[in-house]
Protein backbone atom coordinates (compact mmCIF):
# COMPACT_ATOMS: atom_id res chain seq x y z
CA GLN A 1 26.25 69.36 98.58
CA VAL A 2 29.38 67.56 99.68
CA GLN A 3 31.34 65.80 96.97
CA LEU A 4 34.57 63.83 97.16
CA VAL A 5 36.22 62.79 93.90
CA GLU A 6 39.15 60.38 94.04
CA SER A 7 41.53 59.82 91.14
CA GLY A 8 44.96 58.49 90.28
CA GLY A 9 44.53 54.77 90.75
CA GLY A 10 45.62 52.12 88.30
CA LEU A 11 47.56 48.94 87.72
CA VAL A 12 51.16 48.95 88.93
CA GLN A 13 53.83 46.33 89.44
CA PRO A 14 55.10 45.48 92.92
CA GLY A 15 57.61 48.07 94.00
CA GLY A 16 55.99 50.75 91.90
CA SER A 17 54.42 54.06 92.86
CA LEU A 18 51.15 55.88 92.45
CA ARG A 19 49.84 59.26 93.57
CA LEU A 20 46.20 59.51 94.48
CA SER A 21 44.24 62.75 94.62
CA CYS A 22 40.95 63.61 96.27
CA ALA A 23 39.16 66.84 95.42
CA ALA A 24 36.59 67.96 97.96
CA SER A 25 33.73 70.41 97.56
CA GLY A 26 30.86 71.48 99.76
CA ILE A 27 32.85 71.46 103.00
CA ILE A 28 35.16 73.96 104.70
CA PHE A 29 38.06 71.74 103.75
CA ARG A 30 40.79 73.55 105.65
CA ILE A 31 39.26 72.91 109.09
CA TYR A 32 38.89 69.17 108.68
CA ALA A 33 41.31 66.39 109.37
CA MET A 34 41.20 64.25 106.24
CA GLY A 35 41.84 60.57 105.82
CA TRP A 36 42.57 58.04 103.14
CA TYR A 37 40.82 54.70 103.50
CA ARG A 38 40.91 51.49 101.52
CA GLN A 39 38.73 48.45 101.08
CA ALA A 40 40.03 45.21 99.67
CA PRO A 41 37.68 42.54 98.32
CA GLY A 42 35.97 40.69 101.16
CA LYS A 43 37.43 42.97 103.80
CA GLN A 44 36.21 45.91 105.82
CA ARG A 45 37.19 49.45 104.94
CA GLU A 46 40.30 50.46 106.85
CA LEU A 47 41.96 53.77 107.64
CA VAL A 48 45.32 54.16 105.91
CA ALA A 49 46.46 57.68 106.72
CA VAL A 50 45.24 60.88 108.33
CA ILE A 51 46.36 64.48 107.99
CA PHE A 52 45.13 67.05 110.48
CA SER A 53 44.32 70.63 109.61
CA GLY A 54 47.71 71.75 110.92
CA GLY A 55 49.57 69.19 108.84
CA VAL A 56 50.31 66.51 111.42
CA THR A 57 50.04 63.03 109.92
CA ASN A 58 49.40 59.50 111.15
CA TYR A 59 49.69 56.21 109.29
CA ALA A 60 48.58 52.64 109.64
CA ASP A 61 51.50 50.39 110.51
CA SER A 62 51.06 48.52 107.24
CA VAL A 63 51.91 51.60 105.15
CA LYS A 64 54.24 53.53 107.43
CA GLY A 65 57.42 54.51 105.63
CA ARG A 66 55.91 53.82 102.20
CA PHE A 67 52.91 56.15 101.95
CA THR A 68 52.79 59.92 102.42
CA ILE A 69 49.62 61.92 102.89
CA SER A 70 49.56 65.64 102.11
CA ARG A 71 47.05 68.38 101.50
CA ASP A 72 46.64 71.60 99.56
CA ASN A 73 44.00 73.72 101.28
CA ALA A 74 43.99 76.23 98.43
CA LYS A 75 42.87 73.46 96.09
CA ASN A 76 40.66 71.61 98.59
CA THR A 77 42.64 68.50 97.72
CA VAL A 78 44.28 65.73 99.70
CA TYR A 79 46.93 63.46 98.21
CA LEU A 80 48.35 60.03 98.92
CA GLN A 81 51.80 59.26 97.55
CA MET A 82 52.25 55.50 97.55
CA ASN A 83 55.72 54.03 97.06
CA SER A 84 57.09 50.50 97.25
CA LEU A 85 53.64 49.13 96.55
CA LYS A 86 52.84 45.55 97.49
CA PRO A 87 50.14 43.18 96.23
CA GLU A 88 48.41 43.50 99.60
CA ASP A 89 47.91 47.21 98.90
CA THR A 90 45.40 46.25 96.21
CA ALA A 91 42.07 47.85 97.12
CA VAL A 92 39.65 50.62 96.30
CA TYR A 93 40.95 53.79 97.92
CA TYR A 94 38.63 56.47 99.29
CA CYS A 95 39.07 59.77 101.04
CA ASN A 96 36.80 61.24 103.70
CA VAL A 97 37.02 63.28 106.83
CA ALA A 98 38.99 61.64 109.61
CA PRO A 99 37.26 59.38 112.13
CA GLY A 100 35.64 61.32 114.95
CA SER A 101 35.12 64.47 112.89
CA THR A 102 32.21 66.70 113.85
CA GLY A 103 29.14 65.52 111.98
CA GLY A 104 30.71 62.19 111.08
CA TYR A 105 31.67 61.00 107.64
CA VAL A 106 30.46 62.89 104.60
CA SER A 107 29.08 61.13 101.55
CA TRP A 108 31.61 58.65 100.22
CA GLY A 109 32.88 59.06 96.70
CA GLN A 110 33.29 56.27 94.20
CA GLY A 111 36.89 55.66 95.14
CA THR A 112 39.79 54.80 92.89
CA GLN A 113 40.99 51.26 92.23
CA VAL A 114 44.61 50.42 92.95
CA THR A 115 45.84 47.06 91.72
CA VAL A 116 49.37 45.89 92.47
CA SER A 117 50.27 42.90 90.37
CA SER A 118 53.02 41.58 88.15
């Protein structure tokens, strides 16, 4: 059974930092490109960052230069380091396999809430 467990969210002031983690089980983690997604209230879920199995990364323009995605295949975990946070980064953050992955998305986890506010 596939399980994705996100953690690390919280309340932070503008300009602050957070590090999100996503622990995966039930999949051969190392072969998948993994992504971080977010969904703000009243908006559709959007892709924030992707890391391929070989370590290549891509970012949405809105987070480029501020967010860094990384992975530890030994721990089946993907991370999102978020710096210089802005109020518009407020959302529930999820991880999942990258778009277009064989078999499609796996079951979504509960996500982790990130709130950027003074």
